[in-house]
Amino acid sequence: MSEMLQATDVVSSDAYLLEQTEVAVRAAGSVLRERFGGVVRYETREELMRALAANDDAALDILRPRLTGLRPDAGWVEDELDGGALPPGEWWVVDPAEGNVNHLHALPDWAVTATLVRENQPVLTVVHLPLTGETYTALTGAGAHLEGRPLRVSPTTDLGLGIVATSQARPDEDETVVRRVGSSITAMLSGALVVRTSVPATLHLANVAAGRIDAFWQYAGARADLLPGALLVTEAGGRITDTQGRPWTPQSESFLATAPALHTQAVTTLSH
């Protein structure tokens, strides 16, 4: 009985954390929305990096103190492009401006995300789209939601009738990854109805969780790109593996999220 009560207390505590994380993420989103407008011009990589950092810093000024206050002992992932396993314990994996380059180019596809990871498993996540006001949330064992409405992945059973998507994990990928991406898009153009290619990954994965698109895959990737969407899709009833159908971890070299009925078809298509 005491173990059951402790488990209930943990879930209740995590639900409260999710609520407060959403408050923090929405506040950071408001700051970035105020900064959104015309195209930010840059002529060098250094100018680009300064512009990206300015957005990140504006959001982090809100997120870091608030999230640290919620879990003072949790670690903080400094670089949203980092991948691989985390050390033991709790960690905040935050992307203060997911799709930051889109923000700079006055494109609407960007978000603010925060995910609490416990022993290398995402426990809760918030993905907020400031321009639309949409907020996606997920809590392990409690489902995925959009503005409080439960999410469910697509019921599509035929990849040939499906909309699928992929994303570029980061700039300056090595040639091997670039070739894999190109080959996979070619394969999916033959296997699926429509292929979407754009950044960032998180927004594609939110659409998989919402049943708007049927599958998403990516080669390489960072924790901040994939962990929020992985939890959203899993809690919405989807399936997460690598592109060969093996269990996915942050150390994996590829990532695949699908509606359950499409998983085998997607793996087969990408393996070609």
C-alpha atoms as a PDB file:
ATOM      1  CA  MET A   1       0.000   0.000   0.000  1.00  0.00           C
ATOM      2  CA  SER A   2       2.804   2.431   0.880  1.00  0.00           C
ATOM      3  CA  GLU A   3       4.441   1.818  -2.534  1.00  0.00           C
ATOM      4  CA  MET A   4       1.140   2.610  -4.264  1.00  0.00           C
ATOM      5  CA  LEU A   5       0.812   5.834  -2.287  1.00  0.00           C
ATOM      6  CA  GLN A   6       4.371   6.830  -3.164  1.00  0.00           C
ATOM      7  CA  ALA A   7       3.699   6.213  -6.863  1.00  0.00           C
ATOM      8  CA  THR A   8       0.535   8.318  -6.640  1.00  0.00           C
ATOM      9  CA  ASP A   9       2.485  11.092  -4.938  1.00  0.00           C
ATOM     10  CA  VAL A  10       5.097  11.058  -7.733  1.00  0.00           C
ATOM     11  CA  VAL A  11       2.433  11.300 -10.437  1.00  0.00           C
ATOM     12  CA  SER A  12       0.700  14.111  -8.567  1.00  0.00           C
ATOM     13  CA  SER A  13       4.000  15.934  -8.144  1.00  0.00           C
ATOM     14  CA  ASP A  14       4.838  15.517 -11.821  1.00  0.00           C
ATOM     15  CA  ALA A  15       1.402  16.805 -12.823  1.00  0.00           C
ATOM     16  CA  TYR A  16       2.066  19.949 -10.779  1.00  0.00           C
ATOM     17  CA  LEU A  17       5.507  20.266 -12.382  1.00  0.00           C
ATOM     18  CA  LEU A  18       3.902  20.030 -15.813  1.00  0.00           C
ATOM     19  CA  GLU A  19       1.482  22.827 -14.982  1.00  0.00           C
ATOM     20  CA  GLN A  20       4.266  25.100 -13.754  1.00  0.00           C
ATOM     21  CA  THR A  21       6.526  24.214 -16.670  1.00  0.00           C
ATOM     22  CA  GLU A  22       3.754  25.259 -19.031  1.00  0.00           C
ATOM     23  CA  VAL A  23       3.498  28.622 -17.270  1.00  0.00           C
ATOM     24  CA  ALA A  24       7.236  29.182 -17.704  1.00  0.00           C
ATOM     25  CA  VAL A  25       7.285  28.101 -21.349  1.00  0.00           C
ATOM     26  CA  ARG A  26       4.336  30.311 -22.230  1.00  0.00           C
ATOM     27  CA  ALA A  27       6.069  33.284 -20.594  1.00  0.00           C
ATOM     28  CA  ALA A  28       9.234  32.661 -22.605  1.00  0.00           C
ATOM     29  CA  GLY A  29       7.123  32.337 -25.746  1.00  0.00           C
ATOM     30  CA  SER A  30       5.613  35.757 -25.134  1.00  0.00           C
ATOM     31  CA  VAL A  31       9.091  37.279 -25.084  1.00  0.00           C
ATOM     32  CA  LEU A  32      10.007  35.648 -28.390  1.00  0.00           C
ATOM     33  CA  ARG A  33       6.699  36.666 -29.952  1.00  0.00           C
ATOM     34  CA  GLU A  34       7.523  40.295 -29.157  1.00  0.00           C
ATOM     35  CA  ARG A  35      10.863  39.839 -30.916  1.00  0.00           C
ATOM     36  CA  PHE A  36       9.243  38.330 -34.031  1.00  0.00           C
ATOM     37  CA  GLY A  37       8.796  40.484 -37.119  1.00  0.00           C
ATOM     38  CA  GLY A  38      10.826  41.243 -40.193  1.00  0.00           C
ATOM     39  CA  VAL A  39      13.630  39.117 -41.591  1.00  0.00           C
ATOM     40  CA  VAL A  40      16.875  39.487 -39.626  1.00  0.00           C
ATOM     41  CA  ARG A  41      19.670  40.036 -42.140  1.00  0.00           C
ATOM     42  CA  TYR A  42      23.145  38.582 -41.665  1.00  0.00           C
ATOM     43  CA  GLU A  43      26.154  38.264 -43.949  1.00  0.00           C
ATOM     44  CA  THR A  44      28.456  35.949 -41.989  1.00  0.00           C
ATOM     45  CA  ARG A  45      28.137  32.849 -39.839  1.00  0.00           C
ATOM     46  CA  GLU A  46      29.229  34.944 -36.865  1.00  0.00           C
ATOM     47  CA  GLU A  47      26.375  37.408 -37.400  1.00  0.00           C
ATOM     48  CA  LEU A  48      23.942  34.517 -37.706  1.00  0.00           C
ATOM     49  CA  MET A  49      25.159  32.939 -34.456  1.00  0.00           C
ATOM     50  CA  ARG A  50      24.814  36.242 -32.601  1.00  0.00           C
ATOM     51  CA  ALA A  51      21.240  36.646 -33.814  1.00  0.00           C
ATOM     52  CA  LEU A  52      20.356  33.075 -32.791  1.00  0.00           C
ATOM     53  CA  ALA A  53      21.967  33.572 -29.393  1.00  0.00           C
ATOM     54  CA  ALA A  54      20.019  36.767 -28.782  1.00  0.00           C
ATOM     55  CA  ASN A  55      16.728  34.875 -29.155  1.00  0.00           C
ATOM     56  CA  ASP A  56      17.963  32.007 -27.004  1.00  0.00           C
ATOM     57  CA  ASP A  57      19.130  34.332 -24.253  1.00  0.00           C
ATOM     58  CA  ALA A  58      15.863  36.267 -24.201  1.00  0.00           C
ATOM     59  CA  ALA A  59      13.895  33.054 -23.624  1.00  0.00           C
ATOM     60  CA  LEU A  60      16.431  31.535 -21.228  1.00  0.00           C
ATOM     61  CA  ASP A  61      16.233  34.604 -18.995  1.00  0.00           C
ATOM     62  CA  ILE A  62      12.684  33.440 -18.290  1.00  0.00           C
ATOM     63  CA  LEU A  63      13.090  29.682 -18.439  1.00  0.00           C
ATOM     64  CA  ARG A  64      16.258  29.020 -16.477  1.00  0.00           C
ATOM     65  CA  PRO A  65      15.322  30.660 -13.158  1.00  0.00           C
ATOM     66  CA  ARG A  66      11.757  29.361 -13.235  1.00  0.00           C
ATOM     67  CA  LEU A  67      12.597  25.769 -14.127  1.00  0.00           C
ATOM     68  CA  THR A  68      15.568  25.699 -11.779  1.00  0.00           C
ATOM     69  CA  GLY A  69      13.256  26.911  -9.037  1.00  0.00           C
ATOM     70  CA  LEU A  70      10.907  23.997  -9.723  1.00  0.00           C
ATOM     71  CA  ARG A  71      13.670  21.355  -9.572  1.00  0.00           C
ATOM     72  CA  PRO A  72      16.780  22.880  -7.951  1.00  0.00           C
ATOM     73  CA  ASP A  73      18.724  19.610  -8.088  1.00  0.00           C
ATOM     74  CA  ALA A  74      18.031  18.902 -11.755  1.00  0.00           C
ATOM     75  CA  GLY A  75      20.837  19.364 -14.246  1.00  0.00           C
ATOM     76  CA  TRP A  76      20.588  21.696 -17.205  1.00  0.00           C
ATOM     77  CA  VAL A  77      21.541  20.770 -20.773  1.00  0.00           C
ATOM     78  CA  GLU A  78      23.458  23.771 -22.035  1.00  0.00           C
ATOM     79  CA  ASP A  79      23.566  22.965 -25.755  1.00  0.00           C
ATOM     80  CA  GLU A  80      20.323  22.095 -27.539  1.00  0.00           C
ATOM     81  CA  LEU A  81      22.370  20.397 -30.303  1.00  0.00           C
ATOM     82  CA  ASP A  82      23.883  17.851 -27.899  1.00  0.00           C
ATOM     83  CA  GLY A  83      22.979  14.194 -28.281  1.00  0.00           C
ATOM     84  CA  GLY A  84      23.626  10.932 -26.456  1.00  0.00           C
ATOM     85  CA  ALA A  85      22.765   9.709 -22.993  1.00  0.00           C
ATOM     86  CA  LEU A  86      22.625  11.993 -19.977  1.00  0.00           C
ATOM     87  CA  PRO A  87      24.238  11.284 -16.603  1.00  0.00           C
ATOM     88  CA  PRO A  88      21.986   9.753 -13.904  1.00  0.00           C
ATOM     89  CA  GLY A  89      19.331  11.866 -12.232  1.00  0.00           C
ATOM     90  CA  GLU A  90      16.997  14.581 -13.467  1.00  0.00           C
ATOM     91  CA  TRP A  91      17.783  16.984 -16.282  1.00  0.00           C
ATOM     92  CA  TRP A  92      16.006  19.855 -17.957  1.00  0.00           C
ATOM     93  CA  VAL A  93      16.319  19.525 -21.732  1.00  0.00           C
ATOM     94  CA  VAL A  94      15.238  22.897 -23.088  1.00  0.00           C
ATOM     95  CA  ASP A  95      15.146  24.439 -26.527  1.00  0.00           C
ATOM     96  CA  PRO A  96      14.428  28.119 -25.888  1.00  0.00           C
ATOM     97  CA  ALA A  97      13.781  28.785 -29.586  1.00  0.00           C
ATOM     98  CA  GLU A  98      13.139  25.541 -31.440  1.00  0.00           C
ATOM     99  CA  GLY A  99      13.281  26.481 -35.108  1.00  0.00           C
ATOM    100  CA  ASN A 100      15.232  29.616 -34.247  1.00  0.00           C
ATOM    101  CA  VAL A 101      16.402  30.121 -37.827  1.00  0.00           C
ATOM    102  CA  ASN A 102      12.760  30.246 -38.933  1.00  0.00           C
ATOM    103  CA  HIS A 103      12.116  32.977 -36.359  1.00  0.00           C
ATOM    104  CA  LEU A 104      14.962  35.024 -37.845  1.00  0.00           C
ATOM    105  CA  HIS A 105      13.518  34.577 -41.334  1.00  0.00           C
ATOM    106  CA  ALA A 106      10.023  35.688 -40.270  1.00  0.00           C
ATOM    107  CA  LEU A 107       8.671  32.173 -40.804  1.00  0.00           C
ATOM    108  CA  PRO A 108       6.011  30.895 -38.381  1.00  0.00           C
ATOM    109  CA  ASP A 109       7.460  27.431 -37.682  1.00  0.00           C
ATOM    110  CA  TRP A 110       9.127  27.833 -34.300  1.00  0.00           C
ATOM    111  CA  ALA A 111       8.375  27.001 -30.692  1.00  0.00           C
ATOM    112  CA  VAL A 112       9.621  26.952 -27.113  1.00  0.00           C
ATOM    113  CA  THR A 113      10.106  23.542 -25.513  1.00  0.00           C
ATOM    114  CA  ALA A 114      11.005  22.207 -22.088  1.00  0.00           C
ATOM    115  CA  THR A 115      11.293  18.540 -21.136  1.00  0.00           C
ATOM    116  CA  LEU A 116      12.118  17.018 -17.757  1.00  0.00           C
ATOM    117  CA  VAL A 117      14.201  13.868 -18.177  1.00  0.00           C
ATOM    118  CA  ARG A 118      14.560  11.403 -15.300  1.00  0.00           C
ATOM    119  CA  GLU A 119      17.119   8.607 -15.591  1.00  0.00           C
ATOM    120  CA  ASN A 120      17.275   9.204 -19.354  1.00  0.00           C
ATOM    121  CA  GLN A 121      13.508   8.913 -19.794  1.00  0.00           C
ATOM    122  CA  PRO A 122      11.354  11.952 -20.644  1.00  0.00           C
ATOM    123  CA  VAL A 123       8.824  12.434 -17.859  1.00  0.00           C
ATOM    124  CA  LEU A 124       6.975  15.538 -18.989  1.00  0.00           C
ATOM    125  CA  THR A 125       7.167  17.992 -21.840  1.00  0.00           C
ATOM    126  CA  VAL A 126       5.668  21.291 -22.978  1.00  0.00           C
ATOM    127  CA  VAL A 127       5.813  22.528 -26.574  1.00  0.00           C
ATOM    128  CA  HIS A 128       4.396  26.023 -27.055  1.00  0.00           C
ATOM    129  CA  LEU A 129       3.838  27.759 -30.399  1.00  0.00           C
ATOM    130  CA  PRO A 130       3.663  31.458 -29.521  1.00  0.00           C
ATOM    131  CA  LEU A 131       2.260  32.675 -32.848  1.00  0.00           C
ATOM    132  CA  THR A 132      -0.773  30.375 -32.738  1.00  0.00           C
ATOM    133  CA  GLY A 133      -1.005  30.100 -28.968  1.00  0.00           C
ATOM    134  CA  GLU A 134      -1.093  26.288 -29.197  1.00  0.00           C
ATOM    135  CA  THR A 135       0.466  24.355 -26.345  1.00  0.00           C
ATOM    136  CA  TYR A 136       1.172  20.626 -26.512  1.00  0.00           C
ATOM    137  CA  THR A 137       1.800  18.772 -23.258  1.00  0.00           C
ATOM    138  CA  ALA A 138       2.569  15.205 -22.285  1.00  0.00           C
ATOM    139  CA  LEU A 139       3.087  13.420 -18.976  1.00  0.00           C
ATOM    140  CA  THR A 140       4.289   9.845 -18.786  1.00  0.00           C
ATOM    141  CA  GLY A 141       1.311   7.574 -18.246  1.00  0.00           C
ATOM    142  CA  ALA A 142      -1.202  10.426 -18.456  1.00  0.00           C
ATOM    143  CA  GLY A 143      -1.418  10.991 -22.207  1.00  0.00           C
ATOM    144  CA  ALA A 144      -0.627  13.806 -24.611  1.00  0.00           C
ATOM    145  CA  HIS A 145      -2.818  16.875 -24.972  1.00  0.00           C
ATOM    146  CA  LEU A 146      -3.270  20.000 -27.066  1.00  0.00           C
ATOM    147  CA  GLU A 147      -4.819  22.773 -25.011  1.00  0.00           C
ATOM    148  CA  GLY A 148      -6.266  20.100 -22.721  1.00  0.00           C
ATOM    149  CA  ARG A 149      -7.713  18.012 -25.570  1.00  0.00           C
ATOM    150  CA  PRO A 150      -6.403  14.417 -25.712  1.00  0.00           C
ATOM    151  CA  LEU A 151      -4.270  13.618 -28.738  1.00  0.00           C
ATOM    152  CA  ARG A 152      -4.307  10.412 -30.753  1.00  0.00           C
ATOM    153  CA  VAL A 153      -2.089   9.376 -33.645  1.00  0.00           C
ATOM    154  CA  SER A 154      -3.461   8.720 -37.108  1.00  0.00           C
ATOM    155  CA  PRO A 155      -5.470   5.543 -37.815  1.00  0.00           C
ATOM    156  CA  THR A 156      -3.999   5.342 -41.341  1.00  0.00           C
ATOM    157  CA  THR A 157      -3.029   1.790 -42.335  1.00  0.00           C
ATOM    158  CA  ASP A 158      -1.568   2.366 -45.829  1.00  0.00           C
ATOM    159  CA  LEU A 159       1.679   4.301 -46.191  1.00  0.00           C
ATOM    160  CA  GLY A 160       0.686   5.057 -49.770  1.00  0.00           C
ATOM    161  CA  LEU A 161      -2.141   7.185 -48.395  1.00  0.00           C
ATOM    162  CA  GLY A 162      -0.043   8.863 -45.732  1.00  0.00           C
ATOM    163  CA  ILE A 163       1.632  12.216 -45.266  1.00  0.00           C
ATOM    164  CA  VAL A 164       5.149  11.764 -43.903  1.00  0.00           C
ATOM    165  CA  ALA A 165       7.854  14.222 -42.899  1.00  0.00           C
ATOM    166  CA  THR A 166      11.554  14.520 -42.238  1.00  0.00           C
ATOM    167  CA  SER A 167      13.878  17.219 -40.954  1.00  0.00           C
ATOM    168  CA  GLN A 168      17.516  18.272 -41.079  1.00  0.00           C
ATOM    169  CA  ALA A 169      18.923  17.628 -37.618  1.00  0.00           C
ATOM    170  CA  ARG A 170      21.587  20.332 -37.719  1.00  0.00           C
ATOM    171  CA  PRO A 171      23.667  22.369 -40.168  1.00  0.00           C
ATOM    172  CA  ASP A 172      26.953  21.016 -41.490  1.00  0.00           C
ATOM    173  CA  GLU A 173      26.132  17.315 -41.238  1.00  0.00           C
ATOM    174  CA  ASP A 174      28.822  14.984 -42.555  1.00  0.00           C
ATOM    175  CA  GLU A 175      28.498  13.586 -46.048  1.00  0.00           C
ATOM    176  CA  THR A 176      27.335  10.156 -44.897  1.00  0.00           C
ATOM    177  CA  VAL A 177      24.328  11.589 -43.082  1.00  0.00           C
ATOM    178  CA  VAL A 178      23.506  13.927 -45.969  1.00  0.00           C
ATOM    179  CA  ARG A 179      23.466  11.012 -48.401  1.00  0.00           C
ATOM    180  CA  ARG A 180      21.265   8.955 -46.071  1.00  0.00           C
ATOM    181  CA  VAL A 181      18.804  11.823 -45.818  1.00  0.00           C
ATOM    182  CA  GLY A 182      18.657  12.218 -49.585  1.00  0.00           C
ATOM    183  CA  SER A 183      18.201   8.503 -50.215  1.00  0.00           C
ATOM    184  CA  SER A 184      15.482   8.239 -47.590  1.00  0.00           C
ATOM    185  CA  ILE A 185      13.510  11.114 -49.110  1.00  0.00           C
ATOM    186  CA  THR A 186      13.730   9.446 -52.509  1.00  0.00           C
ATOM    187  CA  ALA A 187      12.452   6.196 -51.027  1.00  0.00           C
ATOM    188  CA  MET A 188       9.578   7.886 -49.225  1.00  0.00           C
ATOM    189  CA  LEU A 189       8.607   9.829 -52.359  1.00  0.00           C
ATOM    190  CA  SER A 190       7.891   6.427 -53.898  1.00  0.00           C
ATOM    191  CA  GLY A 191       6.306   4.911 -50.807  1.00  0.00           C
ATOM    192  CA  ALA A 192       4.135   7.639 -49.299  1.00  0.00           C
ATOM    193  CA  LEU A 193       1.473   9.962 -50.661  1.00  0.00           C
ATOM    194  CA  VAL A 194       3.239  13.219 -49.724  1.00  0.00           C
ATOM    195  CA  VAL A 195       6.648  13.976 -48.192  1.00  0.00           C
ATOM    196  CA  ARG A 196       7.212  17.148 -46.170  1.00  0.00           C
ATOM    197  CA  THR A 197      10.751  18.365 -45.469  1.00  0.00           C
ATOM    198  CA  SER A 198      11.343  21.258 -43.095  1.00  0.00           C
ATOM    199  CA  VAL A 199      12.697  22.197 -39.695  1.00  0.00           C
ATOM    200  CA  PRO A 200      12.189  21.883 -36.781  1.00  0.00           C
ATOM    201  CA  ALA A 201      11.595  18.226 -35.915  1.00  0.00           C
ATOM    202  CA  THR A 202       9.479  18.989 -32.861  1.00  0.00           C
ATOM    203  CA  LEU A 203       6.658  20.521 -34.875  1.00  0.00           C
ATOM    204  CA  HIS A 204       6.489  17.496 -37.176  1.00  0.00           C
ATOM    205  CA  LEU A 205       6.331  15.218 -34.146  1.00  0.00           C
ATOM    206  CA  ALA A 206       3.565  17.302 -32.578  1.00  0.00           C
ATOM    207  CA  ASN A 207       1.641  16.781 -35.821  1.00  0.00           C
ATOM    208  CA  VAL A 208       2.241  13.022 -35.642  1.00  0.00           C
ATOM    209  CA  ALA A 209       0.888  13.018 -32.095  1.00  0.00           C
ATOM    210  CA  ALA A 210      -2.143  15.009 -33.251  1.00  0.00           C
ATOM    211  CA  GLY A 211      -2.840  12.609 -36.138  1.00  0.00           C
ATOM    212  CA  ARG A 212      -2.237  15.310 -38.757  1.00  0.00           C
ATOM    213  CA  ILE A 213       0.667  13.500 -40.369  1.00  0.00           C
ATOM    214  CA  ASP A 214       1.353   9.793 -40.284  1.00  0.00           C
ATOM    215  CA  ALA A 215       5.089   9.344 -39.821  1.00  0.00           C
ATOM    216  CA  PHE A 216       8.299  11.263 -39.188  1.00  0.00           C
ATOM    217  CA  TRP A 217      11.912  10.146 -39.528  1.00  0.00           C
ATOM    218  CA  GLN A 218      15.282  11.780 -39.065  1.00  0.00           C
ATOM    219  CA  TYR A 219      18.945  10.820 -39.220  1.00  0.00           C
ATOM    220  CA  ALA A 220      21.180  12.005 -36.409  1.00  0.00           C
ATOM    221  CA  GLY A 221      19.543  14.477 -34.064  1.00  0.00           C
ATOM    222  CA  ALA A 222      19.751  16.130 -30.693  1.00  0.00           C
ATOM    223  CA  ARG A 223      17.959  15.421 -27.442  1.00  0.00           C
ATOM    224  CA  ALA A 224      16.153  18.759 -27.545  1.00  0.00           C
ATOM    225  CA  ASP A 225      14.894  17.993 -31.067  1.00  0.00           C
ATOM    226  CA  LEU A 226      13.537  14.544 -30.380  1.00  0.00           C
ATOM    227  CA  LEU A 227      12.730  13.969 -26.691  1.00  0.00           C
ATOM    228  CA  PRO A 228       9.699  16.321 -26.537  1.00  0.00           C
ATOM    229  CA  GLY A 229       8.144  14.831 -29.650  1.00  0.00           C
ATOM    230  CA  ALA A 230       9.019  11.284 -28.637  1.00  0.00           C
ATOM    231  CA  LEU A 231       7.016  11.667 -25.443  1.00  0.00           C
ATOM    232  CA  LEU A 232       4.116  13.371 -27.234  1.00  0.00           C
ATOM    233  CA  VAL A 233       3.901  10.608 -29.839  1.00  0.00           C
ATOM    234  CA  THR A 234       4.290   7.768 -27.342  1.00  0.00           C
ATOM    235  CA  GLU A 235       1.589   9.165 -25.064  1.00  0.00           C
ATOM    236  CA  ALA A 236      -0.679   9.669 -28.097  1.00  0.00           C
ATOM    237  CA  GLY A 237      -0.415   5.979 -28.953  1.00  0.00           C
ATOM    238  CA  GLY A 238       2.311   6.111 -31.581  1.00  0.00           C
ATOM    239  CA  ARG A 239       5.421   4.025 -31.986  1.00  0.00           C
ATOM    240  CA  ILE A 240       9.015   5.246 -31.607  1.00  0.00           C
ATOM    241  CA  THR A 241      12.046   3.289 -32.900  1.00  0.00           C
ATOM    242  CA  ASP A 242      15.074   3.895 -35.043  1.00  0.00           C
ATOM    243  CA  THR A 243      14.622   3.590 -38.802  1.00  0.00           C
ATOM    244  CA  GLN A 244      15.502  -0.110 -38.643  1.00  0.00           C
ATOM    245  CA  GLY A 245      12.779  -0.819 -36.127  1.00  0.00           C
ATOM    246  CA  ARG A 246      15.044  -1.151 -33.105  1.00  0.00           C
ATOM    247  CA  PRO A 247      14.324   0.580 -29.770  1.00  0.00           C
ATOM    248  CA  TRP A 248      15.261   4.249 -29.964  1.00  0.00           C
ATOM    249  CA  THR A 249      17.527   5.934 -27.423  1.00  0.00           C
ATOM    250  CA  PRO A 250      19.248   9.343 -27.542  1.00  0.00           C
ATOM    251  CA  GLN A 251      22.366   7.466 -28.688  1.00  0.00           C
ATOM    252  CA  SER A 252      20.623   6.070 -31.781  1.00  0.00           C
ATOM    253  CA  GLU A 253      21.791   7.221 -35.218  1.00  0.00           C
ATOM    254  CA  SER A 254      18.246   7.504 -36.570  1.00  0.00           C
ATOM    255  CA  PHE A 255      14.707   8.135 -35.361  1.00  0.00           C
ATOM    256  CA  LEU A 256      11.286   7.036 -36.562  1.00  0.00           C
ATOM    257  CA  ALA A 257       7.832   7.939 -35.211  1.00  0.00           C
ATOM    258  CA  THR A 258       4.737   6.451 -36.796  1.00  0.00           C
ATOM    259  CA  ALA A 259       1.128   5.556 -36.379  1.00  0.00           C
ATOM    260  CA  PRO A 260       1.299   1.915 -35.220  1.00  0.00           C
ATOM    261  CA  ALA A 261      -0.194   0.397 -38.376  1.00  0.00           C
ATOM    262  CA  LEU A 262       2.395   2.126 -40.577  1.00  0.00           C
ATOM    263  CA  HIS A 263       5.522   1.207 -38.649  1.00  0.00           C
ATOM    264  CA  THR A 264       6.497  -1.919 -40.583  1.00  0.00           C
ATOM    265  CA  GLN A 265       5.811  -0.233 -43.931  1.00  0.00           C
ATOM    266  CA  ALA A 266       7.915   2.792 -42.968  1.00  0.00           C
ATOM    267  CA  VAL A 267      10.820   0.630 -41.780  1.00  0.00           C
ATOM    268  CA  THR A 268      10.697  -1.408 -44.986  1.00  0.00           C
ATOM    269  CA  THR A 269      10.633   1.721 -47.156  1.00  0.00           C
ATOM    270  CA  LEU A 270      13.534   3.375 -45.357  1.00  0.00           C
ATOM    271  CA  SER A 271      15.616   0.189 -45.367  1.00  0.00           C
ATOM    272  CA  HIS A 272      15.615   0.316 -49.160  1.00  0.00           C
END
